[in-house]
N, C-alpha and C. Protein backbone atom coordinates (compact mmCIF):
# COMPACT_ATOMS: atom_id res chain seq x y z
N UNK A 1 16.75 -104.19 81.16
CA UNK A 1 17.46 -104.90 80.11
C UNK A 1 18.17 -103.92 79.20
N UNK A 2 18.60 -104.36 78.03
CA UNK A 2 19.32 -103.38 77.14
C UNK A 2 18.30 -102.82 76.13
N UNK A 3 18.80 -102.20 75.10
CA UNK A 3 17.97 -101.59 74.12
C UNK A 3 17.38 -102.44 73.08
N UNK A 4 17.71 -103.74 73.11
CA UNK A 4 17.15 -104.76 72.18
C UNK A 4 15.83 -105.19 72.69
N UNK A 5 14.89 -105.62 71.83
CA UNK A 5 13.60 -106.01 72.29
C UNK A 5 13.75 -107.29 73.10
N UNK A 6 12.86 -107.48 74.15
CA UNK A 6 12.87 -108.71 74.89
C UNK A 6 12.42 -109.87 74.07
N UNK A 7 12.55 -111.03 74.62
CA UNK A 7 12.18 -112.25 73.79
C UNK A 7 10.78 -112.26 73.24
N UNK A 8 9.85 -111.82 74.02
CA UNK A 8 8.52 -111.73 73.58
C UNK A 8 8.31 -110.78 72.53
N UNK A 9 8.87 -109.54 72.61
CA UNK A 9 8.78 -108.54 71.59
C UNK A 9 9.39 -109.03 70.31
N UNK A 10 10.53 -109.68 70.43
CA UNK A 10 11.28 -110.18 69.28
C UNK A 10 10.29 -111.06 68.38
N UNK A 11 9.45 -111.80 69.05
CA UNK A 11 8.57 -112.73 68.34
C UNK A 11 7.16 -112.11 68.18
N UNK A 12 6.95 -110.89 68.65
CA UNK A 12 5.68 -110.24 68.55
C UNK A 12 4.60 -110.95 69.41
N UNK A 13 4.92 -111.47 70.54
CA UNK A 13 4.05 -112.24 71.40
C UNK A 13 3.88 -111.42 72.72
N UNK A 14 2.73 -111.59 73.35
CA UNK A 14 2.50 -110.93 74.60
C UNK A 14 3.32 -111.61 75.69
N UNK A 15 3.85 -110.78 76.64
CA UNK A 15 4.68 -111.32 77.71
C UNK A 15 3.86 -112.06 78.75
N UNK A 16 3.60 -113.32 78.50
CA UNK A 16 2.72 -114.08 79.39
C UNK A 16 3.38 -115.47 79.62
N UNK A 17 2.99 -116.07 80.75
CA UNK A 17 3.46 -117.44 81.04
C UNK A 17 2.76 -118.42 80.10
N UNK A 18 1.46 -118.32 80.05
CA UNK A 18 0.70 -119.17 79.11
C UNK A 18 0.88 -118.70 77.74
N UNK A 19 1.51 -119.54 76.96
CA UNK A 19 1.93 -119.10 75.64
C UNK A 19 1.50 -120.17 74.60
N UNK A 20 1.00 -119.75 73.51
CA UNK A 20 0.53 -120.62 72.44
C UNK A 20 1.74 -121.15 71.72
N UNK A 21 2.03 -122.45 71.87
CA UNK A 21 3.29 -122.98 71.30
C UNK A 21 3.30 -122.92 69.75
N UNK A 22 2.16 -123.02 69.15
CA UNK A 22 2.11 -122.98 67.70
C UNK A 22 2.48 -121.51 67.25
N UNK A 23 1.95 -120.54 67.96
CA UNK A 23 2.26 -119.16 67.68
C UNK A 23 3.75 -118.89 67.89
N UNK A 24 4.30 -119.41 68.91
CA UNK A 24 5.70 -119.24 69.10
C UNK A 24 6.55 -119.88 67.98
N UNK A 25 6.18 -121.11 67.60
CA UNK A 25 6.90 -121.73 66.50
C UNK A 25 6.82 -120.88 65.26
N UNK A 26 5.62 -120.46 64.91
CA UNK A 26 5.41 -119.63 63.71
C UNK A 26 6.21 -118.39 63.74
N UNK A 27 6.24 -117.73 64.89
CA UNK A 27 6.94 -116.42 65.03
C UNK A 27 8.43 -116.68 64.89
N UNK A 28 8.97 -117.76 65.49
CA UNK A 28 10.36 -118.07 65.43
C UNK A 28 10.77 -118.35 63.95
N UNK A 29 9.99 -119.07 63.20
CA UNK A 29 10.25 -119.29 61.82
C UNK A 29 10.30 -118.10 61.01
N UNK A 30 9.41 -117.13 61.33
CA UNK A 30 9.34 -115.83 60.60
C UNK A 30 10.60 -115.05 60.90
N UNK A 31 10.98 -114.97 62.15
CA UNK A 31 12.23 -114.26 62.47
C UNK A 31 13.44 -114.83 61.80
N UNK A 32 13.50 -116.19 61.92
CA UNK A 32 14.70 -116.97 61.40
C UNK A 32 14.75 -116.69 59.82
N UNK A 33 13.64 -116.66 59.21
CA UNK A 33 13.59 -116.42 57.76
C UNK A 33 14.16 -115.10 57.41
N UNK A 34 14.02 -114.12 58.31
CA UNK A 34 14.48 -112.77 58.02
C UNK A 34 15.98 -112.63 58.40
N UNK A 35 16.49 -113.31 59.40
CA UNK A 35 17.84 -113.06 59.92
C UNK A 35 18.76 -114.18 59.70
N UNK A 36 18.37 -115.27 59.11
CA UNK A 36 19.21 -116.49 58.96
C UNK A 36 20.55 -116.03 58.30
N UNK A 37 21.60 -116.46 58.71
CA UNK A 37 22.90 -116.01 58.06
C UNK A 37 22.98 -116.46 56.57
N UNK A 38 22.36 -117.50 56.14
CA UNK A 38 22.43 -117.93 54.81
C UNK A 38 21.85 -116.85 53.87
N UNK A 39 20.93 -116.03 54.30
CA UNK A 39 20.34 -114.99 53.51
C UNK A 39 21.37 -113.86 53.29
N UNK A 40 22.42 -113.82 54.08
CA UNK A 40 23.41 -112.79 54.00
C UNK A 40 24.84 -113.29 53.58
N UNK A 41 24.85 -114.46 52.98
CA UNK A 41 26.07 -115.12 52.52
C UNK A 41 26.86 -114.21 51.58
N UNK A 42 26.13 -113.44 50.77
CA UNK A 42 26.76 -112.60 49.74
C UNK A 42 27.02 -111.22 50.23
N UNK A 43 26.57 -110.94 51.51
CA UNK A 43 26.69 -109.59 52.09
C UNK A 43 28.08 -109.28 52.58
N UNK A 44 28.27 -108.18 53.12
CA UNK A 44 29.49 -107.78 53.69
C UNK A 44 29.79 -108.59 54.97
N UNK A 45 30.99 -108.51 55.41
CA UNK A 45 31.38 -109.18 56.74
C UNK A 45 30.54 -108.64 57.91
N UNK A 46 30.26 -107.36 57.87
CA UNK A 46 29.50 -106.79 58.93
C UNK A 46 28.03 -107.26 58.86
N UNK A 47 27.46 -107.35 57.64
CA UNK A 47 26.09 -107.85 57.51
C UNK A 47 26.01 -109.34 58.02
N UNK A 48 26.98 -110.11 57.58
CA UNK A 48 26.94 -111.60 58.01
C UNK A 48 27.14 -111.66 59.50
N UNK A 49 27.95 -110.84 60.10
CA UNK A 49 28.16 -110.90 61.54
C UNK A 49 26.80 -110.50 62.27
N UNK A 50 26.19 -109.46 61.83
CA UNK A 50 24.99 -108.97 62.38
C UNK A 50 23.89 -110.05 62.25
N UNK A 51 23.83 -110.70 61.11
CA UNK A 51 22.77 -111.70 60.85
C UNK A 51 23.00 -112.91 61.80
N UNK A 52 24.30 -113.21 61.99
CA UNK A 52 24.61 -114.32 62.89
C UNK A 52 24.15 -113.94 64.34
N UNK A 53 24.43 -112.76 64.75
CA UNK A 53 24.10 -112.30 66.09
C UNK A 53 22.57 -112.37 66.29
N UNK A 54 21.81 -111.90 65.26
CA UNK A 54 20.36 -111.98 65.37
C UNK A 54 19.83 -113.39 65.39
N UNK A 55 20.41 -114.20 64.59
CA UNK A 55 20.01 -115.62 64.55
C UNK A 55 20.30 -116.27 65.89
N UNK A 56 21.46 -116.05 66.46
CA UNK A 56 21.75 -116.57 67.78
C UNK A 56 20.79 -116.07 68.89
N UNK A 57 20.47 -114.77 68.80
CA UNK A 57 19.50 -114.10 69.70
C UNK A 57 18.17 -114.83 69.60
N UNK A 58 17.72 -115.02 68.35
CA UNK A 58 16.48 -115.70 68.11
C UNK A 58 16.43 -117.13 68.68
N UNK A 59 17.61 -117.83 68.52
CA UNK A 59 17.69 -119.22 69.04
C UNK A 59 17.60 -119.16 70.52
N UNK A 60 18.31 -118.23 71.17
CA UNK A 60 18.31 -118.13 72.67
C UNK A 60 16.88 -117.77 73.19
N UNK A 61 16.23 -116.84 72.44
CA UNK A 61 14.87 -116.46 72.87
C UNK A 61 13.96 -117.65 72.70
N UNK A 62 14.08 -118.47 71.70
CA UNK A 62 13.25 -119.65 71.42
C UNK A 62 13.45 -120.67 72.56
N UNK A 63 14.75 -120.93 72.95
CA UNK A 63 15.03 -121.86 74.01
C UNK A 63 14.45 -121.39 75.32
N UNK A 64 14.44 -120.03 75.60
CA UNK A 64 13.89 -119.55 76.79
C UNK A 64 12.41 -119.67 76.84
N UNK A 65 11.77 -119.29 75.77
CA UNK A 65 10.30 -119.17 75.74
C UNK A 65 9.64 -120.62 75.61
N UNK A 66 10.40 -121.51 74.96
CA UNK A 66 9.83 -122.82 74.85
C UNK A 66 9.76 -123.61 76.09
N UNK A 67 10.68 -123.32 77.02
CA UNK A 67 10.74 -124.04 78.35
C UNK A 67 9.87 -123.28 79.39
N UNK A 68 8.79 -123.90 79.93
CA UNK A 68 8.02 -123.25 80.96
C UNK A 68 8.82 -122.66 82.10
N UNK A 69 9.83 -123.40 82.58
CA UNK A 69 10.63 -123.00 83.69
C UNK A 69 11.45 -121.72 83.35
N UNK A 70 12.17 -121.76 82.20
CA UNK A 70 12.92 -120.64 81.75
C UNK A 70 12.06 -119.44 81.47
N UNK A 71 10.86 -119.70 80.86
CA UNK A 71 9.95 -118.63 80.51
C UNK A 71 9.49 -117.92 81.77
N UNK A 72 9.14 -118.70 82.79
CA UNK A 72 8.69 -118.12 84.05
C UNK A 72 9.83 -117.30 84.70
N UNK A 73 11.00 -117.82 84.75
CA UNK A 73 12.11 -117.11 85.33
C UNK A 73 12.35 -115.80 84.53
N UNK A 74 12.33 -115.87 83.26
CA UNK A 74 12.50 -114.69 82.40
C UNK A 74 11.49 -113.61 82.66
N UNK A 75 10.18 -114.06 82.78
CA UNK A 75 9.16 -113.10 83.11
C UNK A 75 9.42 -112.40 84.44
N UNK A 76 9.85 -113.17 85.43
CA UNK A 76 10.14 -112.62 86.71
C UNK A 76 11.22 -111.51 86.64
N UNK A 77 12.27 -111.88 85.86
CA UNK A 77 13.40 -111.00 85.73
C UNK A 77 13.07 -109.80 84.95
N UNK A 78 12.19 -109.97 83.88
CA UNK A 78 11.73 -108.83 83.11
C UNK A 78 11.02 -107.78 84.06
N UNK A 79 10.40 -108.32 85.12
CA UNK A 79 9.62 -107.53 86.05
C UNK A 79 10.46 -107.21 87.30
N UNK A 80 11.71 -107.30 87.25
CA UNK A 80 12.59 -106.88 88.33
C UNK A 80 12.76 -107.86 89.50
N UNK A 81 12.26 -109.11 89.38
CA UNK A 81 12.39 -110.08 90.43
C UNK A 81 13.39 -111.16 89.96
N UNK A 82 14.50 -111.28 90.60
CA UNK A 82 15.47 -112.30 90.23
C UNK A 82 15.09 -113.58 90.97
N UNK A 83 15.52 -114.67 90.37
CA UNK A 83 15.14 -116.05 90.89
C UNK A 83 16.24 -116.36 91.95
N UNK A 84 17.45 -116.07 91.72
CA UNK A 84 18.57 -116.33 92.60
C UNK A 84 18.53 -117.82 93.10
N UNK A 85 18.37 -118.78 92.20
CA UNK A 85 18.27 -120.14 92.57
C UNK A 85 19.52 -120.69 93.28
N UNK A 86 20.68 -120.16 92.98
CA UNK A 86 21.86 -120.57 93.55
C UNK A 86 22.05 -120.14 95.02
N UNK A 87 21.59 -118.93 95.28
CA UNK A 87 21.77 -118.39 96.67
C UNK A 87 20.46 -118.38 97.52
N UNK A 88 19.29 -118.35 96.83
CA UNK A 88 18.12 -118.33 97.56
C UNK A 88 17.49 -119.71 97.56
N UNK A 89 17.68 -120.43 98.58
CA UNK A 89 17.14 -121.81 98.61
C UNK A 89 15.98 -121.94 99.56
N UNK A 90 15.45 -120.89 100.07
CA UNK A 90 14.31 -120.90 100.93
C UNK A 90 13.03 -121.49 100.22
N UNK A 91 12.42 -122.33 100.83
CA UNK A 91 11.22 -122.99 100.30
C UNK A 91 10.28 -123.13 101.42
N UNK A 92 8.93 -123.24 101.08
CA UNK A 92 7.92 -123.49 102.08
C UNK A 92 8.20 -124.85 102.81
N UNK A 93 8.04 -124.93 104.09
CA UNK A 93 8.29 -126.17 104.85
C UNK A 93 7.66 -127.39 104.20
N UNK A 94 6.38 -127.31 103.77
CA UNK A 94 5.73 -128.39 103.18
C UNK A 94 6.45 -128.95 101.92
N UNK A 95 6.94 -127.97 101.15
CA UNK A 95 7.67 -128.42 99.91
C UNK A 95 9.01 -129.10 100.24
N UNK A 96 9.66 -128.57 101.34
CA UNK A 96 10.93 -129.21 101.73
C UNK A 96 10.69 -130.63 102.23
N UNK A 97 9.61 -130.90 103.00
CA UNK A 97 9.25 -132.19 103.35
C UNK A 97 8.93 -133.10 102.21
N UNK A 98 8.18 -132.53 101.16
CA UNK A 98 7.92 -133.32 100.03
C UNK A 98 9.12 -133.65 99.24
N UNK A 99 10.10 -132.70 99.20
CA UNK A 99 11.40 -133.02 98.51
C UNK A 99 12.09 -134.19 99.19
N UNK A 100 12.09 -134.22 100.45
CA UNK A 100 12.76 -135.33 101.15
C UNK A 100 12.02 -136.61 100.84
N UNK A 101 10.71 -136.64 100.91
CA UNK A 101 9.92 -137.85 100.61
C UNK A 101 10.28 -138.29 99.14
N UNK A 102 10.23 -137.38 98.20
CA UNK A 102 10.49 -137.83 96.86
C UNK A 102 11.91 -138.35 96.70
N UNK A 103 12.91 -137.68 97.33
CA UNK A 103 14.26 -138.20 97.20
C UNK A 103 14.39 -139.66 97.85
N UNK A 104 13.75 -139.85 98.99
CA UNK A 104 13.72 -141.26 99.54
C UNK A 104 13.00 -142.24 98.68
N UNK A 105 11.88 -141.81 98.05
CA UNK A 105 11.14 -142.75 97.14
C UNK A 105 11.98 -143.01 95.94
N UNK A 106 12.75 -142.02 95.43
CA UNK A 106 13.52 -142.33 94.21
C UNK A 106 14.66 -143.27 94.58
N UNK A 107 15.27 -143.09 95.72
CA UNK A 107 16.30 -144.00 96.14
C UNK A 107 15.82 -145.39 96.31
N UNK A 108 14.58 -145.49 96.99
CA UNK A 108 14.01 -146.84 97.13
C UNK A 108 13.65 -147.43 95.76
N UNK A 109 13.12 -146.63 94.84
CA UNK A 109 12.75 -147.15 93.53
C UNK A 109 13.91 -147.61 92.75
N UNK A 110 14.99 -146.88 92.87
CA UNK A 110 16.31 -147.36 92.11
C UNK A 110 16.66 -148.74 92.58
N UNK A 111 16.41 -149.06 93.81
CA UNK A 111 16.83 -150.39 94.32
C UNK A 111 15.74 -151.48 94.45
N UNK A 112 14.49 -151.09 93.94
CA UNK A 112 13.40 -152.04 93.98
C UNK A 112 13.52 -153.03 92.84
N UNK A 113 12.98 -154.24 93.07
CA UNK A 113 13.07 -155.23 91.96
C UNK A 113 12.17 -155.01 90.80
N UNK A 114 11.22 -154.07 90.96
CA UNK A 114 10.21 -153.79 89.90
C UNK A 114 10.16 -152.27 89.73
N UNK A 115 9.88 -151.79 88.49
CA UNK A 115 9.78 -150.35 88.28
C UNK A 115 8.48 -149.71 88.68
N UNK A 116 7.57 -150.50 89.34
CA UNK A 116 6.27 -149.94 89.69
C UNK A 116 6.37 -148.73 90.64
N UNK A 117 7.22 -148.75 91.66
CA UNK A 117 7.36 -147.61 92.53
C UNK A 117 7.86 -146.37 91.78
N UNK A 118 8.66 -146.64 90.79
CA UNK A 118 9.19 -145.45 90.00
C UNK A 118 8.08 -144.84 89.12
N UNK A 119 7.18 -145.60 88.64
CA UNK A 119 6.07 -145.14 87.87
C UNK A 119 5.14 -144.25 88.75
N UNK A 120 4.94 -144.70 89.94
CA UNK A 120 4.09 -143.87 90.93
C UNK A 120 4.76 -142.59 91.21
N UNK A 121 6.09 -142.60 91.42
CA UNK A 121 6.85 -141.39 91.75
C UNK A 121 6.83 -140.50 90.51
N UNK A 122 6.94 -140.99 89.33
CA UNK A 122 6.92 -140.25 88.13
C UNK A 122 5.56 -139.44 88.01
N UNK A 123 4.46 -140.19 88.34
CA UNK A 123 3.19 -139.55 88.25
C UNK A 123 3.00 -138.45 89.34
N UNK A 124 3.58 -138.61 90.47
CA UNK A 124 3.49 -137.62 91.58
C UNK A 124 4.30 -136.39 91.10
N UNK A 125 5.45 -136.60 90.51
CA UNK A 125 6.28 -135.41 90.05
C UNK A 125 5.61 -134.74 88.90
N UNK A 126 4.97 -135.53 88.02
CA UNK A 126 4.23 -134.85 86.88
C UNK A 126 3.04 -134.03 87.40
N UNK A 127 2.37 -134.55 88.42
CA UNK A 127 1.27 -133.86 88.97
C UNK A 127 1.76 -132.52 89.69
N UNK A 128 2.87 -132.65 90.32
CA UNK A 128 3.54 -131.45 91.02
C UNK A 128 3.86 -130.44 89.96
N UNK A 129 4.37 -130.87 88.84
CA UNK A 129 4.82 -129.95 87.71
C UNK A 129 3.51 -129.29 87.21
N UNK A 130 2.46 -130.02 86.95
CA UNK A 130 1.22 -129.45 86.48
C UNK A 130 0.67 -128.39 87.44
N UNK A 131 0.74 -128.75 88.65
CA UNK A 131 0.25 -127.76 89.74
C UNK A 131 1.13 -126.54 89.82
N UNK A 132 2.36 -126.69 89.68
CA UNK A 132 3.35 -125.50 89.66
C UNK A 132 3.08 -124.58 88.45
N UNK A 133 2.86 -125.28 87.25
CA UNK A 133 2.54 -124.54 86.09
C UNK A 133 1.28 -123.70 86.23
N UNK A 134 0.26 -124.34 86.81
CA UNK A 134 -0.98 -123.56 87.07
C UNK A 134 -0.80 -122.42 88.03
N UNK A 135 0.00 -122.71 89.09
CA UNK A 135 0.30 -121.60 90.06
C UNK A 135 1.09 -120.49 89.36
N UNK A 136 1.97 -120.83 88.49
CA UNK A 136 2.81 -119.84 87.84
C UNK A 136 1.89 -119.03 86.81
N UNK A 137 0.96 -119.65 86.16
CA UNK A 137 0.08 -118.98 85.28
C UNK A 137 -0.75 -117.92 86.12
N UNK A 138 -1.25 -118.35 87.31
CA UNK A 138 -1.98 -117.40 88.17
C UNK A 138 -1.01 -116.23 88.56
N UNK A 139 0.04 -116.60 89.15
CA UNK A 139 0.95 -115.62 89.70
C UNK A 139 1.44 -114.54 88.65
N UNK A 140 1.86 -115.15 87.51
CA UNK A 140 2.39 -114.28 86.45
C UNK A 140 1.39 -113.54 85.60
N UNK A 141 0.40 -114.30 85.10
CA UNK A 141 -0.51 -113.71 84.10
C UNK A 141 -1.77 -113.04 84.75
N UNK A 142 -2.19 -113.55 85.89
CA UNK A 142 -3.36 -113.03 86.45
C UNK A 142 -3.14 -111.96 87.52
N UNK A 143 -2.15 -112.32 88.52
CA UNK A 143 -1.99 -111.59 89.70
C UNK A 143 -0.75 -110.62 89.61
N UNK A 144 0.18 -110.88 88.77
CA UNK A 144 1.34 -110.08 88.72
C UNK A 144 2.20 -110.12 89.95
N UNK A 145 2.17 -111.36 90.69
CA UNK A 145 2.88 -111.55 91.93
C UNK A 145 4.21 -112.24 91.58
N UNK A 146 5.22 -111.39 91.26
CA UNK A 146 6.48 -111.95 90.84
C UNK A 146 7.30 -112.52 91.93
N UNK A 147 7.13 -112.09 93.17
CA UNK A 147 7.78 -112.73 94.31
C UNK A 147 7.30 -114.08 94.50
N UNK A 148 6.02 -114.32 94.42
CA UNK A 148 5.41 -115.70 94.53
C UNK A 148 5.89 -116.53 93.31
N UNK A 149 5.87 -115.94 92.16
CA UNK A 149 6.34 -116.65 90.99
C UNK A 149 7.80 -117.14 91.09
N UNK A 150 8.66 -116.27 91.63
CA UNK A 150 10.09 -116.65 91.82
C UNK A 150 10.22 -117.86 92.76
N UNK A 151 9.44 -117.93 93.81
CA UNK A 151 9.43 -119.12 94.72
C UNK A 151 8.98 -120.32 93.97
N UNK A 152 7.88 -120.14 93.18
CA UNK A 152 7.36 -121.26 92.39
C UNK A 152 8.39 -121.76 91.36
N UNK A 153 9.11 -120.84 90.72
CA UNK A 153 10.14 -121.19 89.72
C UNK A 153 11.27 -122.09 90.42
N UNK A 154 11.63 -121.62 91.60
CA UNK A 154 12.60 -122.38 92.27
C UNK A 154 12.11 -123.87 92.61
N UNK A 155 10.85 -123.95 92.93
CA UNK A 155 10.25 -125.21 93.27
C UNK A 155 10.15 -126.06 91.96
N UNK A 156 9.78 -125.43 90.83
CA UNK A 156 9.69 -126.03 89.56
C UNK A 156 11.08 -126.54 89.09
N UNK A 157 12.11 -125.77 89.39
CA UNK A 157 13.45 -126.21 89.03
C UNK A 157 13.79 -127.52 89.70
N UNK A 158 13.41 -127.62 91.00
CA UNK A 158 13.63 -128.90 91.69
C UNK A 158 12.82 -130.05 91.04
N UNK A 159 11.54 -129.75 90.83
CA UNK A 159 10.70 -130.75 90.20
C UNK A 159 11.16 -131.22 88.81
N UNK A 160 11.62 -130.30 88.01
CA UNK A 160 12.16 -130.54 86.68
C UNK A 160 13.34 -131.55 86.86
N UNK A 161 14.26 -131.24 87.79
CA UNK A 161 15.47 -132.00 88.03
C UNK A 161 15.02 -133.43 88.51
N UNK A 162 14.08 -133.47 89.39
CA UNK A 162 13.55 -134.74 89.87
C UNK A 162 12.98 -135.63 88.74
N UNK A 163 12.20 -134.96 87.82
CA UNK A 163 11.64 -135.65 86.70
C UNK A 163 12.75 -136.19 85.83
N UNK A 164 13.87 -135.41 85.60
CA UNK A 164 14.88 -135.89 84.77
C UNK A 164 15.55 -137.14 85.44
N UNK A 165 15.76 -137.05 86.72
CA UNK A 165 16.35 -138.21 87.41
C UNK A 165 15.47 -139.40 87.39
N UNK A 166 14.16 -139.19 87.55
CA UNK A 166 13.25 -140.39 87.44
C UNK A 166 13.35 -141.03 86.07
N UNK A 167 13.31 -140.13 85.02
CA UNK A 167 13.39 -140.68 83.59
C UNK A 167 14.71 -141.40 83.44
N UNK A 168 15.81 -140.88 83.99
CA UNK A 168 17.10 -141.57 83.81
C UNK A 168 17.01 -142.97 84.53
N UNK A 169 16.42 -142.94 85.75
CA UNK A 169 16.39 -144.18 86.48
C UNK A 169 15.52 -145.23 85.78
N UNK A 170 14.35 -144.73 85.20
CA UNK A 170 13.46 -145.56 84.41
C UNK A 170 14.18 -146.15 83.21
N UNK A 171 15.07 -145.33 82.56
CA UNK A 171 15.79 -145.80 81.37
C UNK A 171 16.73 -146.90 81.75
N UNK A 172 17.33 -146.75 82.86
CA UNK A 172 18.25 -147.84 83.41
C UNK A 172 17.45 -149.12 83.67
N UNK A 173 16.28 -148.95 84.32
CA UNK A 173 15.43 -150.10 84.63
C UNK A 173 14.95 -150.76 83.32
N UNK A 174 14.66 -149.97 82.31
CA UNK A 174 14.14 -150.61 81.08
C UNK A 174 15.20 -151.29 80.26
N UNK A 175 16.46 -150.95 80.45
CA UNK A 175 17.49 -151.55 79.69
C UNK A 175 17.80 -152.99 80.14
N UNK A 176 17.77 -153.84 79.20
CA UNK A 176 18.15 -155.25 79.46
C UNK A 176 19.07 -155.65 78.40
N UNK A 177 20.19 -156.34 78.76
CA UNK A 177 21.06 -156.79 77.68
C UNK A 177 20.50 -157.76 76.69
N UNK A 178 20.77 -157.71 75.47
CA UNK A 178 20.28 -158.66 74.55
C UNK A 178 20.80 -160.08 74.81
N UNK A 179 19.90 -161.08 74.58
CA UNK A 179 20.35 -162.41 74.90
C UNK A 179 21.55 -162.83 73.91
N UNK A 180 22.37 -163.67 74.38
CA UNK A 180 23.54 -164.09 73.56
C UNK A 180 23.07 -164.70 72.30
N UNK A 181 23.85 -164.44 71.25
CA UNK A 181 23.45 -165.04 69.97
C UNK A 181 23.92 -166.56 69.88
N UNK A 182 23.11 -167.25 69.21
CA UNK A 182 23.47 -168.68 69.02
C UNK A 182 24.55 -168.77 67.99
N UNK A 183 25.52 -169.68 68.20
CA UNK A 183 26.67 -169.77 67.33
C UNK A 183 26.33 -170.53 66.05
């Protein structure tokens, strides 16, 4: 990377996948209190610009570390392993099969008369997400296996997208127009 501290160092946190969210929030508030541009409103143009750059950097670091998927990808990259999600689409065959089953189930659930199949699919995806988080914690924090972690991150990216699509489909299923008002 460059000569600036990494996101973990910026907040004084250990570079780990398993992260205490309360400690992250507290560290973020501390950094923002020091670099927030409002503190430098009376400063020179250069001081205001630097404060704005540090505040933006703190915001980006927070977005990255708050998201388990982004945090895992960042840890891989810090350790020299790129995710290459756009170009490296190789996945274990069992996961590819599962992807197809989930996609078919989502399509069926979108057209089902009741949201029950969607709830089942949502739970399956949530369980897959929990399992991937546990695998990432082992690969990153315990084993230092960044190649495995990169594969798990790519899988998690798919599961995250699936969860978003399930939530969007559920929101459509939950929406019902209001009954017409009596005149």
